[in-house]
Amino acid sequence: MTNNNDQHYINQTINGDAHAFSVLVNRYKDLVFTLALRMLKNKEEAEEVSQDTFIKTYQALHKFKGHSKFSAWIYKVTYNTCLDRLKKNKKHYNDVAIDEITENQIKTMDNALDKMEEKEYNKLIQDCLTLLPKDDAFLLTLYYFETYSLEEISKIVGITANNVKVKIFRSRKKLATILKHRLEPEIIEYYERERK
């Protein structure tokens, strides 16, 4: 799934091969839906935004110059389409208050998470991400799950890499707050098992 491979299908689509675009849709549909769901927190709206994203992508495909990864470009289209939907609906989601949480407490959470099995860990993180505000969940998904660099994310969301770094740090603090409440019973149970 290299950028060159994407470019092959992009060129074929521009030259009139409808099947070529379906390859790109199949390649990115799950990721686009996941990002839309993180922002909109509603399955039906995420499905609609996913469709809109691919329609917009198809219509603007000739504008893609290959200066960045195609996936980054399609994520930017997804992000902007989600923002348009949110503005249209004027929906506001509950924000998570940041507790007075230190970097050391975040590391403690990370250490506790290391003790959990990977499957439990992934489910817990996914559950907690749904409780975060839309932008926070979106940024953390791109950074940790899609492993985009700060520079790549800055191009997707249209802010500087330094601002992305600050926002990711704040998002991690919010996530740590949620995890702290979820993990405390896990930690207690773990230490009780270890003492036996």
N, C-alpha and C. Protein backbone atom coordinates (compact mmCIF):
# COMPACT_ATOMS: atom_id res chain seq x y z
N MET A 1 0.83 -1.20 0.00
CA MET A 1 0.00 0.00 0.00
C MET A 1 0.87 1.25 0.00
N THR A 2 1.71 1.37 -0.96
CA THR A 2 2.58 2.53 -1.04
C THR A 2 1.84 3.66 -1.73
N ASN A 3 2.42 4.83 -1.56
CA ASN A 3 1.84 6.00 -2.23
C ASN A 3 1.88 5.80 -3.74
N ASN A 4 2.96 5.16 -4.27
CA ASN A 4 3.07 4.90 -5.70
C ASN A 4 1.93 4.00 -6.17
N ASN A 5 1.60 2.99 -5.35
CA ASN A 5 0.52 2.09 -5.69
C ASN A 5 -0.81 2.85 -5.74
N ASP A 6 -1.03 3.74 -4.77
CA ASP A 6 -2.23 4.59 -4.79
C ASP A 6 -2.24 5.44 -6.06
N GLN A 7 -1.09 5.99 -6.40
CA GLN A 7 -0.99 6.88 -7.56
C GLN A 7 -1.38 6.14 -8.84
N HIS A 8 -1.03 4.87 -8.93
CA HIS A 8 -1.41 4.06 -10.09
C HIS A 8 -2.94 4.05 -10.26
N TYR A 9 -3.66 3.81 -9.15
CA TYR A 9 -5.13 3.76 -9.21
C TYR A 9 -5.73 5.15 -9.42
N ILE A 10 -5.07 6.16 -8.88
CA ILE A 10 -5.53 7.54 -9.09
C ILE A 10 -5.44 7.88 -10.57
N ASN A 11 -4.30 7.57 -11.18
CA ASN A 11 -4.12 7.85 -12.61
C ASN A 11 -5.15 7.11 -13.45
N GLN A 12 -5.38 5.84 -13.12
CA GLN A 12 -6.36 5.05 -13.87
C GLN A 12 -7.76 5.65 -13.74
N THR A 13 -8.10 6.10 -12.52
CA THR A 13 -9.42 6.71 -12.29
C THR A 13 -9.57 7.97 -13.13
N ILE A 14 -8.54 8.82 -13.10
CA ILE A 14 -8.58 10.07 -13.87
C ILE A 14 -8.73 9.77 -15.37
N ASN A 15 -8.16 8.64 -15.79
CA ASN A 15 -8.26 8.25 -17.21
C ASN A 15 -9.56 7.51 -17.54
N GLY A 16 -10.50 7.46 -16.57
CA GLY A 16 -11.83 6.94 -16.86
C GLY A 16 -12.12 5.52 -16.40
N ASP A 17 -11.19 4.90 -15.66
CA ASP A 17 -11.41 3.53 -15.17
C ASP A 17 -12.14 3.58 -13.82
N ALA A 18 -13.46 3.34 -13.85
CA ALA A 18 -14.27 3.43 -12.62
C ALA A 18 -13.88 2.37 -11.61
N HIS A 19 -13.45 1.21 -12.07
CA HIS A 19 -13.05 0.13 -11.16
C HIS A 19 -11.84 0.55 -10.31
N ALA A 20 -10.95 1.33 -10.88
CA ALA A 20 -9.74 1.74 -10.16
C ALA A 20 -10.10 2.53 -8.91
N PHE A 21 -11.12 3.38 -8.99
CA PHE A 21 -11.50 4.17 -7.81
C PHE A 21 -12.09 3.26 -6.73
N SER A 22 -12.79 2.20 -7.14
CA SER A 22 -13.35 1.28 -6.14
C SER A 22 -12.24 0.59 -5.34
N VAL A 23 -11.07 0.41 -5.95
CA VAL A 23 -9.93 -0.16 -5.22
C VAL A 23 -9.51 0.80 -4.11
N LEU A 24 -9.45 2.10 -4.42
CA LEU A 24 -9.10 3.10 -3.41
C LEU A 24 -10.15 3.18 -2.31
N VAL A 25 -11.41 3.11 -2.71
CA VAL A 25 -12.50 3.14 -1.72
C VAL A 25 -12.37 1.95 -0.78
N ASN A 26 -12.18 0.76 -1.32
CA ASN A 26 -12.03 -0.44 -0.48
C ASN A 26 -10.82 -0.35 0.43
N ARG A 27 -9.78 0.27 -0.05
CA ARG A 27 -8.55 0.40 0.72
C ARG A 27 -8.73 1.33 1.92
N TYR A 28 -9.50 2.40 1.76
CA TYR A 28 -9.59 3.44 2.81
C TYR A 28 -10.94 3.57 3.50
N LYS A 29 -11.95 2.78 3.08
CA LYS A 29 -13.30 2.98 3.63
C LYS A 29 -13.36 2.76 5.15
N ASP A 30 -12.67 1.74 5.66
CA ASP A 30 -12.73 1.48 7.11
C ASP A 30 -12.07 2.60 7.91
N LEU A 31 -10.95 3.08 7.41
CA LEU A 31 -10.24 4.15 8.13
C LEU A 31 -11.02 5.46 8.08
N VAL A 32 -11.60 5.76 6.93
CA VAL A 32 -12.41 6.98 6.81
C VAL A 32 -13.61 6.91 7.74
N PHE A 33 -14.28 5.75 7.76
CA PHE A 33 -15.44 5.59 8.64
C PHE A 33 -15.03 5.73 10.11
N THR A 34 -13.90 5.12 10.50
CA THR A 34 -13.43 5.19 11.89
C THR A 34 -13.16 6.63 12.30
N LEU A 35 -12.49 7.39 11.43
CA LEU A 35 -12.20 8.79 11.75
C LEU A 35 -13.48 9.61 11.83
N ALA A 36 -14.40 9.36 10.92
CA ALA A 36 -15.68 10.09 10.94
C ALA A 36 -16.47 9.76 12.21
N LEU A 37 -16.45 8.50 12.60
CA LEU A 37 -17.16 8.08 13.81
C LEU A 37 -16.55 8.72 15.05
N ARG A 38 -15.22 8.84 15.07
CA ARG A 38 -14.54 9.49 16.20
C ARG A 38 -15.00 10.94 16.36
N MET A 39 -15.21 11.61 15.24
CA MET A 39 -15.61 13.02 15.32
C MET A 39 -17.10 13.20 15.54
N LEU A 40 -17.90 12.41 14.85
CA LEU A 40 -19.34 12.63 14.88
C LEU A 40 -20.05 11.85 15.97
N LYS A 41 -19.45 10.75 16.41
CA LYS A 41 -20.00 9.91 17.48
C LYS A 41 -21.42 9.42 17.15
N ASN A 42 -21.67 9.21 15.87
CA ASN A 42 -22.97 8.73 15.43
C ASN A 42 -22.75 7.89 14.17
N LYS A 43 -23.16 6.63 14.23
CA LYS A 43 -22.86 5.69 13.15
C LYS A 43 -23.47 6.12 11.82
N GLU A 44 -24.75 6.51 11.82
CA GLU A 44 -25.41 6.89 10.58
C GLU A 44 -24.75 8.11 9.95
N GLU A 45 -24.44 9.10 10.78
CA GLU A 45 -23.80 10.31 10.25
C GLU A 45 -22.40 9.99 9.74
N ALA A 46 -21.69 9.11 10.45
CA ALA A 46 -20.34 8.71 10.01
C ALA A 46 -20.41 8.01 8.65
N GLU A 47 -21.44 7.18 8.46
CA GLU A 47 -21.62 6.51 7.16
C GLU A 47 -21.90 7.52 6.05
N GLU A 48 -22.75 8.50 6.34
CA GLU A 48 -23.06 9.54 5.35
C GLU A 48 -21.83 10.36 5.02
N VAL A 49 -21.07 10.73 6.05
CA VAL A 49 -19.86 11.52 5.83
C VAL A 49 -18.83 10.72 5.05
N SER A 50 -18.76 9.42 5.31
CA SER A 50 -17.84 8.57 4.55
C SER A 50 -18.19 8.59 3.07
N GLN A 51 -19.48 8.47 2.78
CA GLN A 51 -19.91 8.53 1.38
C GLN A 51 -19.59 9.88 0.76
N ASP A 52 -19.91 10.95 1.51
CA ASP A 52 -19.61 12.30 1.02
C ASP A 52 -18.12 12.49 0.77
N THR A 53 -17.31 11.93 1.67
CA THR A 53 -15.85 12.04 1.54
C THR A 53 -15.38 11.42 0.23
N PHE A 54 -15.88 10.24 -0.07
CA PHE A 54 -15.44 9.58 -1.30
C PHE A 54 -15.98 10.27 -2.55
N ILE A 55 -17.17 10.85 -2.46
CA ILE A 55 -17.70 11.62 -3.59
C ILE A 55 -16.81 12.84 -3.84
N LYS A 56 -16.51 13.56 -2.75
CA LYS A 56 -15.65 14.75 -2.87
C LYS A 56 -14.26 14.37 -3.38
N THR A 57 -13.74 13.26 -2.87
CA THR A 57 -12.41 12.80 -3.29
C THR A 57 -12.41 12.48 -4.78
N TYR A 58 -13.43 11.78 -5.21
CA TYR A 58 -13.54 11.41 -6.63
C TYR A 58 -13.60 12.67 -7.51
N GLN A 59 -14.43 13.63 -7.09
CA GLN A 59 -14.60 14.85 -7.88
C GLN A 59 -13.34 15.71 -7.93
N ALA A 60 -12.52 15.61 -6.88
CA ALA A 60 -11.32 16.45 -6.81
C ALA A 60 -10.03 15.67 -7.07
N LEU A 61 -10.15 14.45 -7.52
CA LEU A 61 -8.99 13.58 -7.69
C LEU A 61 -7.93 14.18 -8.60
N HIS A 62 -8.36 14.91 -9.62
CA HIS A 62 -7.40 15.54 -10.55
C HIS A 62 -6.54 16.60 -9.86
N LYS A 63 -6.98 17.08 -8.68
CA LYS A 63 -6.22 18.10 -7.94
C LYS A 63 -5.11 17.49 -7.06
N PHE A 64 -5.19 16.17 -6.84
CA PHE A 64 -4.17 15.51 -6.01
C PHE A 64 -2.86 15.45 -6.79
N LYS A 65 -1.83 16.10 -6.24
CA LYS A 65 -0.56 16.21 -6.94
C LYS A 65 0.49 15.22 -6.43
N GLY A 66 0.19 14.49 -5.37
CA GLY A 66 1.15 13.51 -4.88
C GLY A 66 2.25 14.07 -4.01
N HIS A 67 2.09 15.31 -3.53
CA HIS A 67 3.11 15.91 -2.67
C HIS A 67 3.10 15.29 -1.27
N SER A 68 1.97 14.73 -0.89
CA SER A 68 1.86 14.03 0.39
C SER A 68 1.22 12.67 0.10
N LYS A 69 1.09 11.85 1.13
CA LYS A 69 0.44 10.55 0.95
C LYS A 69 -1.03 10.76 0.57
N PHE A 70 -1.53 9.89 -0.26
CA PHE A 70 -2.95 9.95 -0.62
C PHE A 70 -3.81 9.77 0.62
N SER A 71 -3.37 8.88 1.52
CA SER A 71 -4.14 8.64 2.75
C SER A 71 -4.26 9.92 3.57
N ALA A 72 -3.20 10.72 3.64
CA ALA A 72 -3.26 11.99 4.38
C ALA A 72 -4.25 12.94 3.72
N TRP A 73 -4.25 12.94 2.40
CA TRP A 73 -5.17 13.80 1.65
C TRP A 73 -6.62 13.40 1.91
N ILE A 74 -6.89 12.10 1.87
CA ILE A 74 -8.27 11.64 2.07
C ILE A 74 -8.71 11.86 3.53
N TYR A 75 -7.76 11.78 4.48
CA TYR A 75 -8.10 12.07 5.87
C TYR A 75 -8.44 13.55 6.04
N LYS A 76 -7.75 14.40 5.30
CA LYS A 76 -8.05 15.83 5.37
C LYS A 76 -9.46 16.09 4.83
N VAL A 77 -9.80 15.43 3.72
CA VAL A 77 -11.16 15.56 3.17
C VAL A 77 -12.18 15.07 4.19
N THR A 78 -11.87 13.94 4.86
CA THR A 78 -12.76 13.40 5.89
C THR A 78 -12.94 14.40 7.02
N TYR A 79 -11.84 14.94 7.49
CA TYR A 79 -11.85 15.91 8.60
C TYR A 79 -12.71 17.12 8.25
N ASN A 80 -12.48 17.69 7.08
CA ASN A 80 -13.24 18.87 6.67
C ASN A 80 -14.72 18.56 6.45
N THR A 81 -15.01 17.38 5.93
CA THR A 81 -16.40 16.98 5.73
C THR A 81 -17.10 16.82 7.07
N CYS A 82 -16.38 16.27 8.05
CA CYS A 82 -16.94 16.15 9.41
C CYS A 82 -17.20 17.52 10.01
N LEU A 83 -16.25 18.44 9.85
CA LEU A 83 -16.44 19.79 10.38
C LEU A 83 -17.66 20.45 9.75
N ASP A 84 -17.82 20.27 8.42
CA ASP A 84 -19.00 20.82 7.74
C ASP A 84 -20.28 20.25 8.32
N ARG A 85 -20.29 18.95 8.56
CA ARG A 85 -21.48 18.29 9.11
C ARG A 85 -21.78 18.81 10.51
N LEU A 86 -20.74 18.97 11.33
CA LEU A 86 -20.93 19.47 12.70
C LEU A 86 -21.47 20.90 12.69
N LYS A 87 -20.94 21.73 11.81
CA LYS A 87 -21.43 23.11 11.71
C LYS A 87 -22.89 23.12 11.27
N LYS A 88 -23.19 22.25 10.30
CA LYS A 88 -24.56 22.18 9.78
C LYS A 88 -25.54 21.74 10.88
N ASN A 89 -25.14 20.76 11.64
CA ASN A 89 -26.02 20.25 12.70
C ASN A 89 -25.95 21.06 13.98
N LYS A 90 -24.90 21.85 14.09
CA LYS A 90 -24.67 22.65 15.31
C LYS A 90 -24.77 21.80 16.56
N LYS A 91 -24.13 20.63 16.49
CA LYS A 91 -24.16 19.74 17.64
C LYS A 91 -22.97 20.05 18.55
N HIS A 92 -23.23 19.94 19.81
CA HIS A 92 -22.15 20.12 20.79
C HIS A 92 -22.10 18.88 21.66
N TYR A 93 -20.91 18.37 21.83
CA TYR A 93 -20.73 17.17 22.63
C TYR A 93 -20.09 17.55 23.96
N ASN A 94 -20.36 16.73 24.95
CA ASN A 94 -19.78 17.00 26.26
C ASN A 94 -18.27 16.95 26.18
N ASP A 95 -17.67 17.94 26.80
CA ASP A 95 -16.21 17.95 26.89
C ASP A 95 -15.80 17.26 28.17
N VAL A 96 -14.62 16.70 28.14
CA VAL A 96 -14.07 16.04 29.34
C VAL A 96 -13.21 17.06 30.05
N ALA A 97 -13.46 17.27 31.32
CA ALA A 97 -12.64 18.20 32.09
C ALA A 97 -11.29 17.56 32.36
N ILE A 98 -10.24 18.37 32.25
CA ILE A 98 -8.90 17.84 32.54
C ILE A 98 -8.67 17.97 34.04
N ASP A 99 -8.46 16.82 34.67
CA ASP A 99 -8.11 16.83 36.08
C ASP A 99 -6.69 17.34 36.23
N GLU A 100 -6.32 17.67 37.44
CA GLU A 100 -4.93 18.00 37.70
C GLU A 100 -4.16 16.71 37.63
N ILE A 101 -3.68 16.40 36.46
CA ILE A 101 -3.02 15.11 36.26
C ILE A 101 -1.60 15.38 35.78
N THR A 102 -0.65 14.71 36.36
CA THR A 102 0.75 14.97 36.07
C THR A 102 1.27 13.99 35.03
N GLU A 103 2.43 14.31 34.48
CA GLU A 103 3.08 13.41 33.52
C GLU A 103 3.38 12.08 34.18
N ASN A 104 3.73 12.12 35.46
CA ASN A 104 4.03 10.89 36.21
C ASN A 104 2.78 10.00 36.30
N GLN A 105 1.61 10.62 36.50
CA GLN A 105 0.37 9.85 36.56
C GLN A 105 0.04 9.24 35.20
N ILE A 106 0.36 9.98 34.12
CA ILE A 106 0.15 9.43 32.78
C ILE A 106 1.04 8.21 32.59
N LYS A 107 2.30 8.29 33.03
CA LYS A 107 3.21 7.15 32.92
C LYS A 107 2.71 5.98 33.75
N THR A 108 2.14 6.26 34.92
CA THR A 108 1.58 5.20 35.76
C THR A 108 0.44 4.50 35.03
N MET A 109 -0.40 5.29 34.35
CA MET A 109 -1.49 4.70 33.56
C MET A 109 -0.91 3.82 32.46
N ASP A 110 0.13 4.35 31.79
CA ASP A 110 0.75 3.59 30.70
C ASP A 110 1.31 2.27 31.23
N ASN A 111 1.94 2.30 32.40
CA ASN A 111 2.50 1.08 33.00
C ASN A 111 1.39 0.09 33.35
N ALA A 112 0.29 0.61 33.87
CA ALA A 112 -0.83 -0.26 34.21
C ALA A 112 -1.40 -0.90 32.95
N LEU A 113 -1.46 -0.11 31.88
CA LEU A 113 -1.97 -0.63 30.62
C LEU A 113 -1.07 -1.73 30.06
N ASP A 114 0.24 -1.60 30.31
CA ASP A 114 1.17 -2.63 29.84
C ASP A 114 0.87 -3.99 30.46
N LYS A 115 0.29 -3.99 31.64
CA LYS A 115 -0.01 -5.24 32.34
C LYS A 115 -1.24 -5.95 31.77
N MET A 116 -2.05 -5.20 31.05
CA MET A 116 -3.27 -5.78 30.51
C MET A 116 -2.96 -6.50 29.21
N GLU A 117 -3.74 -7.46 28.87
CA GLU A 117 -3.56 -8.13 27.59
C GLU A 117 -3.88 -7.15 26.47
N GLU A 118 -3.22 -7.36 25.33
CA GLU A 118 -3.36 -6.42 24.22
C GLU A 118 -4.82 -6.26 23.79
N LYS A 119 -5.57 -7.33 23.77
CA LYS A 119 -6.97 -7.25 23.34
C LYS A 119 -7.78 -6.38 24.30
N GLU A 120 -7.59 -6.59 25.60
CA GLU A 120 -8.29 -5.77 26.60
C GLU A 120 -7.88 -4.31 26.47
N TYR A 121 -6.58 -4.11 26.27
CA TYR A 121 -6.04 -2.77 26.14
C TYR A 121 -6.69 -2.04 24.96
N ASN A 122 -6.72 -2.70 23.80
CA ASN A 122 -7.30 -2.06 22.62
C ASN A 122 -8.78 -1.74 22.82
N LYS A 123 -9.51 -2.65 23.43
CA LYS A 123 -10.94 -2.40 23.67
C LYS A 123 -11.12 -1.23 24.64
N LEU A 124 -10.32 -1.21 25.70
CA LEU A 124 -10.41 -0.13 26.67
C LEU A 124 -10.11 1.22 26.02
N ILE A 125 -9.04 1.27 25.24
CA ILE A 125 -8.67 2.52 24.58
C ILE A 125 -9.78 2.96 23.63
N GLN A 126 -10.30 2.03 22.83
CA GLN A 126 -11.37 2.37 21.89
C GLN A 126 -12.60 2.90 22.64
N ASP A 127 -12.95 2.25 23.74
CA ASP A 127 -14.10 2.70 24.54
C ASP A 127 -13.87 4.10 25.09
N CYS A 128 -12.67 4.34 25.59
CA CYS A 128 -12.35 5.64 26.19
C CYS A 128 -12.28 6.73 25.13
N LEU A 129 -11.79 6.40 23.95
CA LEU A 129 -11.73 7.39 22.87
C LEU A 129 -13.11 7.91 22.50
N THR A 130 -14.12 7.05 22.61
CA THR A 130 -15.48 7.50 22.27
C THR A 130 -16.00 8.52 23.27
N LEU A 131 -15.38 8.58 24.46
CA LEU A 131 -15.81 9.53 25.47
C LEU A 131 -15.11 10.89 25.33
N LEU A 132 -14.09 10.95 24.49
CA LEU A 132 -13.37 12.20 24.29
C LEU A 132 -14.12 13.11 23.32
N PRO A 133 -13.87 14.42 23.42
CA PRO A 133 -14.41 15.32 22.40
C PRO A 133 -13.88 14.92 21.02
N LYS A 134 -14.64 15.25 19.98
CA LYS A 134 -14.37 14.78 18.61
C LYS A 134 -12.96 15.07 18.13
N ASP A 135 -12.46 16.29 18.33
CA ASP A 135 -11.12 16.64 17.84
C ASP A 135 -10.03 15.83 18.55
N ASP A 136 -10.20 15.63 19.85
CA ASP A 136 -9.20 14.88 20.61
C ASP A 136 -9.12 13.44 20.13
N ALA A 137 -10.27 12.81 19.95
CA ALA A 137 -10.30 11.42 19.49
C ALA A 137 -9.69 11.31 18.09
N PHE A 138 -9.99 12.27 17.24
CA PHE A 138 -9.47 12.28 15.87
C PHE A 138 -7.94 12.37 15.88
N LEU A 139 -7.40 13.32 16.64
CA LEU A 139 -5.94 13.51 16.69
C LEU A 139 -5.23 12.28 17.26
N LEU A 140 -5.75 11.73 18.35
CA LEU A 140 -5.12 10.56 18.95
C LEU A 140 -5.18 9.35 18.02
N THR A 141 -6.27 9.23 17.28
CA THR A 141 -6.38 8.13 16.32
C THR A 141 -5.31 8.26 15.23
N LEU A 142 -5.17 9.47 14.69
CA LEU A 142 -4.16 9.67 13.64
C LEU A 142 -2.75 9.44 14.18
N TYR A 143 -2.48 9.94 15.37
CA TYR A 143 -1.11 9.89 15.90
C TYR A 143 -0.72 8.50 16.39
N TYR A 144 -1.59 7.87 17.17
CA TYR A 144 -1.22 6.60 17.79
C TYR A 144 -1.63 5.37 16.99
N PHE A 145 -2.79 5.41 16.34
CA PHE A 145 -3.26 4.23 15.64
C PHE A 145 -2.85 4.23 14.17
N GLU A 146 -2.87 5.41 13.55
CA GLU A 146 -2.45 5.50 12.14
C GLU A 146 -0.98 5.89 12.02
N THR A 147 -0.34 6.20 13.14
CA THR A 147 1.09 6.56 13.25
C THR A 147 1.52 7.65 12.27
N TYR A 148 0.71 8.68 12.15
CA TYR A 148 1.10 9.83 11.36
C TYR A 148 2.03 10.72 12.17
N SER A 149 2.94 11.40 11.48
CA SER A 149 3.84 12.33 12.15
C SER A 149 3.07 13.62 12.47
N LEU A 150 3.68 14.45 13.33
CA LEU A 150 3.06 15.73 13.67
C LEU A 150 2.89 16.59 12.41
N GLU A 151 3.89 16.54 11.52
CA GLU A 151 3.82 17.33 10.29
C GLU A 151 2.69 16.85 9.39
N GLU A 152 2.53 15.54 9.28
CA GLU A 152 1.45 15.01 8.44
C GLU A 152 0.08 15.38 9.01
N ILE A 153 -0.06 15.29 10.34
CA ILE A 153 -1.33 15.65 10.97
C ILE A 153 -1.60 17.15 10.79
N SER A 154 -0.55 17.96 10.88
CA SER A 154 -0.75 19.41 10.73
C SER A 154 -1.32 19.75 9.35
N LYS A 155 -0.90 18.99 8.33
CA LYS A 155 -1.44 19.21 6.99
C LYS A 155 -2.90 18.76 6.90
N ILE A 156 -3.24 17.71 7.62
CA ILE A 156 -4.61 17.19 7.58
C ILE A 156 -5.58 18.16 8.26
N VAL A 157 -5.20 18.65 9.45
CA VAL A 157 -6.13 19.49 10.21
C VAL A 157 -5.91 20.99 10.03
N GLY A 158 -4.83 21.36 9.33
CA GLY A 158 -4.62 22.78 8.99
C GLY A 158 -4.12 23.65 10.12
N ILE A 159 -3.33 23.09 11.04
CA ILE A 159 -2.68 23.89 12.08
C ILE A 159 -1.21 23.51 12.11
N THR A 160 -0.39 24.30 12.80
CA THR A 160 1.05 24.02 12.82
C THR A 160 1.36 22.73 13.57
N ALA A 161 2.51 22.15 13.27
CA ALA A 161 2.93 20.92 13.94
C ALA A 161 3.07 21.15 15.45
N ASN A 162 3.53 22.34 15.85
CA ASN A 162 3.64 22.65 17.29
C ASN A 162 2.28 22.66 17.96
N ASN A 163 1.29 23.24 17.28
CA ASN A 163 -0.07 23.24 17.84
C ASN A 163 -0.63 21.82 17.92
N VAL A 164 -0.31 21.00 16.91
CA VAL A 164 -0.74 19.59 16.95
C VAL A 164 -0.13 18.91 18.17
N LYS A 165 1.16 19.15 18.41
CA LYS A 165 1.85 18.54 19.55
C LYS A 165 1.17 18.93 20.87
N VAL A 166 0.86 20.21 21.01
CA VAL A 166 0.19 20.69 22.23
C VAL A 166 -1.19 20.05 22.37
N LYS A 167 -1.94 20.01 21.26
CA LYS A 167 -3.28 19.43 21.31
C LYS A 167 -3.23 17.94 21.64
N ILE A 168 -2.26 17.23 21.09
CA ILE A 168 -2.13 15.81 21.40
C ILE A 168 -1.79 15.61 22.87
N PHE A 169 -0.91 16.46 23.40
CA PHE A 169 -0.57 16.36 24.82
C PHE A 169 -1.82 16.58 25.69
N ARG A 170 -2.60 17.59 25.35
CA ARG A 170 -3.84 17.87 26.11
C ARG A 170 -4.84 16.73 25.95
N SER A 171 -4.91 16.19 24.74
CA SER A 171 -5.82 15.06 24.49
C SER A 171 -5.41 13.85 25.32
N ARG A 172 -4.09 13.62 25.41
CA ARG A 172 -3.59 12.50 26.22
C ARG A 172 -3.96 12.70 27.69
N LYS A 173 -3.90 13.95 28.15
CA LYS A 173 -4.28 14.22 29.55
C LYS A 173 -5.76 13.91 29.77
N LYS A 174 -6.58 14.30 28.81
CA LYS A 174 -8.01 14.00 28.92
C LYS A 174 -8.24 12.49 28.90
N LEU A 175 -7.54 11.81 28.00
CA LEU A 175 -7.66 10.35 27.92
C LEU A 175 -7.18 9.71 29.22
N ALA A 176 -6.08 10.24 29.78
CA ALA A 176 -5.56 9.71 31.04
C ALA A 176 -6.56 9.89 32.17
N THR A 177 -7.29 10.99 32.16
CA THR A 177 -8.33 11.23 33.17
C THR A 177 -9.42 10.15 33.09
N ILE A 178 -9.84 9.88 31.85
CA ILE A 178 -10.87 8.85 31.65
C ILE A 178 -10.32 7.48 32.04
N LEU A 179 -9.09 7.19 31.60
CA LEU A 179 -8.47 5.89 31.90
C LEU A 179 -8.29 5.70 33.40
N LYS A 180 -7.95 6.77 34.09
CA LYS A 180 -7.74 6.68 35.54
C LYS A 180 -9.01 6.15 36.21
N HIS A 181 -10.15 6.69 35.81
CA HIS A 181 -11.42 6.24 36.40
C HIS A 181 -11.73 4.80 36.01
N ARG A 182 -11.38 4.44 34.77
CA ARG A 182 -11.64 3.07 34.29
C ARG A 182 -10.65 2.07 34.86
N LEU A 183 -9.41 2.52 35.05
CA LEU A 183 -8.34 1.60 35.42
C LEU A 183 -8.21 1.33 36.91
N GLU A 184 -8.66 2.27 37.71
CA GLU A 184 -8.47 2.08 39.15
C GLU A 184 -8.97 0.71 39.62
N PRO A 185 -10.15 0.25 39.21
CA PRO A 185 -10.57 -1.10 39.63
C PRO A 185 -9.63 -2.18 39.08
N GLU A 186 -9.13 -2.01 37.85
CA GLU A 186 -8.20 -2.98 37.26
C GLU A 186 -6.91 -3.05 38.06
N ILE A 187 -6.40 -1.85 38.43
CA ILE A 187 -5.12 -1.81 39.17
C ILE A 187 -5.27 -2.48 40.52
N ILE A 188 -6.37 -2.17 41.22
CA ILE A 188 -6.61 -2.78 42.53
C ILE A 188 -6.68 -4.30 42.39
N GLU A 189 -7.41 -4.76 41.39
CA GLU A 189 -7.55 -6.20 41.16
C GLU A 189 -6.19 -6.82 40.83
N TYR A 190 -5.38 -6.15 40.03
CA TYR A 190 -4.06 -6.66 39.65
C TYR A 190 -3.17 -6.81 40.88
N TYR A 191 -3.12 -5.77 41.72
CA TYR A 191 -2.26 -5.83 42.90
C TYR A 191 -2.74 -6.87 43.91
N GLU A 192 -4.04 -7.05 43.99
CA GLU A 192 -4.57 -8.08 44.90
C GLU A 192 -4.16 -9.47 44.41
N ARG A 193 -4.20 -9.69 43.11
CA ARG A 193 -3.77 -10.97 42.55
C ARG A 193 -2.29 -11.21 42.80
N GLU A 194 -1.49 -10.14 42.66
CA GLU A 194 -0.04 -10.27 42.82
C GLU A 194 0.35 -10.61 44.26
N ARG A 195 -0.45 -10.15 45.22
CA ARG A 195 -0.13 -10.40 46.64
C ARG A 195 -0.48 -11.81 47.06
N LYS A 196 -1.33 -12.50 46.32
CA LYS A 196 -1.76 -13.85 46.71
C LYS A 196 -0.70 -14.87 46.39
